[in-house]
Amino acid sequence: MGIHLYLSMIPEALIASMLTPEEFGVYYAVGSEKKSHGQAIFFELDPDFRHPELPIDEGFRRCVPHEDGRPKNSIYITVYRALERVALDAIRHLYLVTQDGRVLGLEGTSLNIPDDTGGLHLYQEIAPVNPLIVSTLGAKAFYNLIVKNPTSLLTLPAVCFAELRLGELASNPEYGSVGDLPYANIDHLRQCLSDLRSKTVNTKMVDRLSSPAFPYRMLKSGVFVGNTEKLMFFPLPSQEELRTRHYRWWRSANM
């Protein structure tokens, strides 16, 4: 019974577990009495990854089966500054888990990262902080602004974020149709987007206390994670592929 190493983003934590990614996703989203039920986002890491400031070996030593032989669900190694201390090269996969425990695994890449520079953008930062941000910048430029080459005092050593769909608001924030956008306080969102066109700023905060959880159906392209070394992208499959190959996850994500 092997031991896995998971980097959770909701909430941010490094966890050792004897569960497979699919089993861990179900446990973490719906099977624990220690947290409210809800969606989960986590990375599977190379179990050989080590960091001098993280007691991973001790976590592995404590990750043993229960007396009745059941696998150990989780041993928390750290819940503080986990993301910034994980080497991105140690990441194997990203898993998006719906609130009823449907698990979708995504492959990551540091090549061919999309950088749509047209229109306006909506970013949900997931960890280590989770404001909702609108920006004139594409994903790569947004990452550069807050991590790689910051121009303000508000910087992060690492970040995980997703770009969410804006529909017609991306090009016409004042009068574009809302369509199926589920965001709260649409009038405020419209105003924030409009402000980007009239002011000399690249980003504007929509909600500084936004929940890091978001409707997966609103993902525009996928999930990004980056530190001062590099940026990785985990693309979401096409709608057609989700419907045909991952139907249960897709149906749950669209409920």
Protein backbone atom coordinates (compact mmCIF):
# COMPACT_ATOMS: atom_id res chain seq x y z
CA MET A 1 0.00 0.00 0.00
CA GLY A 2 1.90 3.03 -1.27
CA ILE A 3 1.94 6.56 0.12
CA HIS A 4 0.95 9.52 -2.03
CA LEU A 5 1.87 13.16 -1.59
CA TYR A 6 -0.87 15.71 -2.33
CA LEU A 7 -0.77 19.50 -2.45
CA SER A 8 -4.28 20.76 -1.74
CA MET A 9 -5.33 24.21 -2.92
CA ILE A 10 -8.71 24.38 -1.11
CA PRO A 11 -7.53 24.78 1.59
CA GLU A 12 -3.78 25.09 0.97
CA ALA A 13 -2.05 22.10 2.60
CA LEU A 14 0.53 19.40 1.98
CA ILE A 15 -0.88 15.97 2.79
CA ALA A 16 0.40 12.37 2.86
CA SER A 17 -2.23 9.73 2.11
CA MET A 18 -2.55 6.04 1.35
CA LEU A 19 -5.49 6.74 -0.96
CA THR A 20 -5.21 6.88 -4.74
CA PRO A 21 -5.98 10.28 -6.33
CA GLU A 22 -9.54 9.16 -7.17
CA GLU A 23 -10.12 7.82 -3.65
CA PHE A 24 -8.54 10.90 -2.08
CA GLY A 25 -10.72 13.18 -4.18
CA VAL A 26 -13.90 11.47 -2.96
CA TYR A 27 -12.67 11.51 0.65
CA TYR A 28 -11.58 15.12 0.51
CA ALA A 29 -14.76 16.42 -1.12
CA VAL A 30 -17.48 14.39 0.60
CA GLY A 31 -16.01 11.87 3.01
CA SER A 32 -14.55 13.91 5.85
CA GLU A 33 -16.33 15.18 8.93
CA LYS A 34 -13.49 17.67 9.51
CA LYS A 35 -14.39 19.99 6.63
CA SER A 36 -17.51 21.26 4.93
CA HIS A 37 -18.43 19.26 1.87
CA GLY A 38 -17.50 20.97 -1.36
CA GLN A 39 -15.26 20.89 -4.38
CA ALA A 40 -11.56 20.15 -4.02
CA ILE A 41 -8.53 21.07 -6.11
CA PHE A 42 -5.24 19.31 -5.49
CA PHE A 43 -1.96 18.35 -7.14
CA GLU A 44 -0.40 14.92 -6.97
CA LEU A 45 3.33 15.29 -6.28
CA ASP A 46 6.30 13.02 -6.82
CA PRO A 47 6.48 11.09 -3.51
CA ASP A 48 10.26 11.50 -3.58
CA PHE A 49 9.96 15.30 -3.36
CA ARG A 50 11.60 16.75 -0.25
CA HIS A 51 12.14 20.25 1.13
CA PRO A 52 14.34 21.07 4.15
CA GLU A 53 11.55 23.10 5.77
CA LEU A 54 8.85 20.45 5.33
CA PRO A 55 8.71 17.33 7.58
CA ILE A 56 7.68 15.04 4.73
CA ASP A 57 9.64 12.01 5.96
CA GLU A 58 7.97 12.27 9.36
CA GLY A 59 4.59 12.55 7.67
CA PHE A 60 5.30 9.40 5.70
CA ARG A 61 6.35 7.56 8.88
CA ARG A 62 3.04 8.43 10.48
CA CYS A 63 1.03 7.45 7.41
CA VAL A 64 0.33 3.84 8.38
CA PRO A 65 -2.80 1.68 8.05
CA HIS A 66 -5.41 1.63 10.78
CA GLU A 67 -5.48 -1.35 13.12
CA ASP A 68 -8.23 -2.95 11.06
CA GLY A 69 -6.15 -2.64 7.89
CA ARG A 70 -7.96 0.35 6.39
CA PRO A 71 -5.61 2.78 4.61
CA LYS A 72 -4.74 6.05 6.30
CA ASN A 73 -6.75 8.81 4.66
CA SER A 74 -4.53 11.76 5.46
CA ILE A 75 -1.58 13.04 7.46
CA TYR A 76 -1.23 16.82 7.28
CA ILE A 77 2.40 17.79 6.81
CA THR A 78 1.82 21.55 6.68
CA VAL A 79 -1.05 24.00 6.26
CA TYR A 80 1.22 27.03 6.03
CA ARG A 81 3.06 28.34 2.96
CA ALA A 82 2.84 24.99 1.24
CA LEU A 83 2.58 26.08 -2.40
CA GLU A 84 5.61 28.36 -2.38
CA ARG A 85 7.86 25.59 -1.03
CA VAL A 86 6.92 22.95 -3.59
CA ALA A 87 9.09 22.66 -6.70
CA LEU A 88 6.85 22.71 -9.76
CA ASP A 89 8.93 19.94 -11.30
CA ALA A 90 7.53 17.67 -8.55
CA ILE A 91 3.95 18.11 -9.78
CA ARG A 92 2.55 15.08 -11.63
CA HIS A 93 -1.14 15.88 -12.15
CA LEU A 94 -3.86 18.30 -11.14
CA TYR A 95 -7.22 16.97 -9.97
CA LEU A 96 -10.49 18.90 -10.05
CA VAL A 97 -13.11 17.34 -7.79
CA THR A 98 -16.79 18.27 -7.84
CA GLN A 99 -18.76 18.70 -4.63
CA ASP A 100 -20.20 15.20 -4.99
CA GLY A 101 -16.76 13.61 -5.45
CA ARG A 102 -16.36 13.28 -9.24
CA VAL A 103 -12.65 13.46 -10.05
CA LEU A 104 -11.03 14.78 -13.24
CA GLY A 105 -7.25 14.49 -13.68
CA LEU A 106 -5.37 17.00 -15.85
CA GLU A 107 -1.88 16.87 -17.34
CA GLY A 108 0.32 19.94 -16.99
CA THR A 109 2.71 21.67 -19.35
CA SER A 110 5.14 24.56 -19.23
CA LEU A 111 5.03 24.90 -23.02
CA ASN A 112 2.42 26.51 -25.27
CA ILE A 113 0.77 28.31 -22.39
CA PRO A 114 -2.18 30.34 -23.71
CA ASP A 115 -1.82 34.09 -23.42
CA ASP A 116 -4.98 35.59 -24.85
CA THR A 117 -4.31 39.32 -24.96
CA GLY A 118 -7.63 40.28 -26.51
CA GLY A 119 -10.50 41.73 -24.49
CA LEU A 120 -10.79 41.78 -20.71
CA HIS A 121 -10.10 38.92 -18.32
CA LEU A 122 -11.45 37.55 -15.04
CA TYR A 123 -9.08 35.66 -12.74
CA GLN A 124 -9.91 33.69 -9.62
CA GLU A 125 -6.81 33.33 -7.47
CA ILE A 126 -7.06 30.01 -5.66
CA ALA A 127 -3.98 29.97 -3.38
CA PRO A 128 -2.26 31.27 -1.34
CA VAL A 129 -4.77 34.16 -1.44
CA ASN A 130 -8.09 34.16 -3.23
CA PRO A 131 -9.31 37.54 -4.51
CA LEU A 132 -11.36 37.81 -7.70
CA ILE A 133 -9.53 40.06 -10.18
CA VAL A 134 -10.34 41.64 -13.53
CA SER A 135 -7.47 42.55 -15.81
CA THR A 136 -6.44 43.74 -19.25
CA LEU A 137 -3.58 41.23 -19.12
CA GLY A 138 -3.46 37.71 -20.53
CA ALA A 139 -2.62 34.84 -18.16
CA LYS A 140 1.16 34.93 -18.69
CA ALA A 141 1.35 38.69 -18.23
CA PHE A 142 -0.90 38.47 -15.16
CA TYR A 143 1.44 35.88 -13.61
CA ASN A 144 4.44 38.07 -14.43
CA LEU A 145 2.79 41.04 -12.75
CA ILE A 146 2.11 39.35 -9.42
CA VAL A 147 4.99 36.87 -9.19
CA LYS A 148 7.76 37.15 -11.75
CA ASN A 149 8.21 40.88 -12.32
CA PRO A 150 5.99 42.75 -9.86
CA THR A 151 5.53 46.49 -10.21
CA SER A 152 3.87 47.02 -6.81
CA LEU A 153 4.51 46.05 -3.20
CA LEU A 154 1.77 43.39 -3.42
CA THR A 155 3.63 40.31 -4.65
CA LEU A 156 3.38 36.56 -4.19
CA PRO A 157 6.18 33.95 -4.17
CA ALA A 158 3.85 31.51 -5.94
CA VAL A 159 0.26 31.47 -7.13
CA CYS A 160 -2.42 29.11 -8.39
CA PHE A 161 -5.20 30.76 -10.38
CA ALA A 162 -7.84 30.12 -13.02
CA GLU A 163 -9.21 32.31 -15.79
CA LEU A 164 -13.00 32.35 -15.82
CA ARG A 165 -15.34 33.07 -18.73
CA LEU A 166 -16.75 36.56 -19.17
CA GLY A 167 -18.74 35.97 -22.35
CA GLU A 168 -19.81 39.21 -24.01
CA LEU A 169 -18.59 41.23 -21.02
CA ALA A 170 -15.01 40.62 -22.14
CA SER A 171 -15.51 42.98 -25.07
CA ASN A 172 -18.57 44.95 -24.03
CA PRO A 173 -18.72 45.25 -20.23
CA GLU A 174 -21.33 48.00 -20.24
CA TYR A 175 -23.98 46.44 -22.48
CA GLY A 176 -22.90 42.85 -23.20
CA SER A 177 -25.37 40.09 -22.42
CA VAL A 178 -24.87 38.31 -19.10
CA GLY A 179 -26.08 35.03 -20.59
CA ASP A 180 -25.37 32.13 -18.23
CA LEU A 181 -22.74 33.92 -16.13
CA PRO A 182 -23.38 32.93 -12.49
CA TYR A 183 -21.34 35.66 -10.81
CA ALA A 184 -22.80 37.62 -7.90
CA ASN A 185 -23.28 41.37 -8.20
CA ILE A 186 -23.02 41.61 -11.98
CA ASP A 187 -23.42 45.39 -11.90
CA HIS A 188 -20.28 45.68 -9.78
CA LEU A 189 -18.41 43.35 -12.12
CA ARG A 190 -19.49 45.46 -15.11
CA GLN A 191 -18.25 48.60 -13.38
CA CYS A 192 -14.87 47.05 -12.54
CA LEU A 193 -14.42 45.94 -16.15
CA SER A 194 -15.42 49.37 -17.43
CA ASP A 195 -12.95 51.04 -15.06
CA LEU A 196 -10.09 49.15 -16.70
CA ARG A 197 -10.85 50.96 -19.94
CA SER A 198 -10.86 54.41 -18.41
CA LYS A 199 -7.96 54.15 -15.98
CA THR A 200 -4.24 53.52 -16.37
CA VAL A 201 -4.25 50.26 -14.37
CA ASN A 202 -3.90 46.68 -15.60
CA THR A 203 -5.85 44.98 -12.81
CA LYS A 204 -8.73 45.76 -10.49
CA MET A 205 -10.02 43.78 -7.53
CA VAL A 206 -13.64 42.70 -7.79
CA ASP A 207 -13.84 40.83 -4.47
CA ARG A 208 -10.97 40.58 -2.01
CA LEU A 209 -12.77 37.89 0.03
CA SER A 210 -13.95 35.73 -2.86
CA SER A 211 -14.30 32.01 -2.23
CA PRO A 212 -11.51 30.07 -3.99
CA ALA A 213 -14.14 27.60 -5.18
CA PHE A 214 -15.82 28.41 -8.50
CA PRO A 215 -18.13 26.68 -10.99
CA TYR A 216 -15.90 24.47 -13.13
CA ARG A 217 -18.15 25.13 -16.11
CA MET A 218 -16.88 28.71 -16.04
CA LEU A 219 -13.25 27.76 -16.68
CA LYS A 220 -12.11 29.50 -19.84
CA SER A 221 -9.08 27.33 -20.57
CA GLY A 222 -7.69 25.63 -17.46
CA VAL A 223 -5.71 26.20 -14.28
CA PHE A 224 -2.33 27.93 -13.91
CA VAL A 225 0.31 27.52 -11.21
CA GLY A 226 3.57 29.45 -11.08
CA ASN A 227 6.44 30.51 -8.87
CA THR A 228 9.51 32.65 -9.44
CA GLU A 229 11.05 29.85 -11.53
CA LYS A 230 8.31 29.05 -14.06
CA LEU A 231 4.63 28.87 -14.94
CA MET A 232 2.65 25.68 -15.60
CA PHE A 233 -0.70 25.28 -17.30
CA PHE A 234 -3.25 22.47 -16.85
CA PRO A 235 -5.66 22.71 -19.79
CA LEU A 236 -9.26 21.63 -19.45
CA PRO A 237 -10.40 19.19 -22.17
CA SER A 238 -12.87 20.40 -24.77
CA GLN A 239 -16.58 20.31 -24.03
CA GLU A 240 -16.96 17.45 -26.50
CA GLU A 241 -14.25 15.39 -24.80
CA LEU A 242 -15.71 16.08 -21.37
CA ARG A 243 -19.14 14.94 -22.52
CA THR A 244 -17.91 11.78 -24.21
CA ARG A 245 -15.02 10.65 -21.98
CA HIS A 246 -15.74 12.25 -18.60
CA TYR A 247 -19.51 12.48 -18.66
CA ARG A 248 -20.18 11.98 -14.94
CA TRP A 249 -17.69 14.70 -14.00
CA TRP A 250 -19.03 17.02 -16.72
CA ARG A 251 -22.64 16.49 -15.61
CA SER A 252 -21.73 17.13 -11.97
CA ALA A 253 -19.71 20.22 -12.89
CA ASN A 254 -22.69 21.65 -14.76
CA MET A 255 -25.28 21.10 -12.03
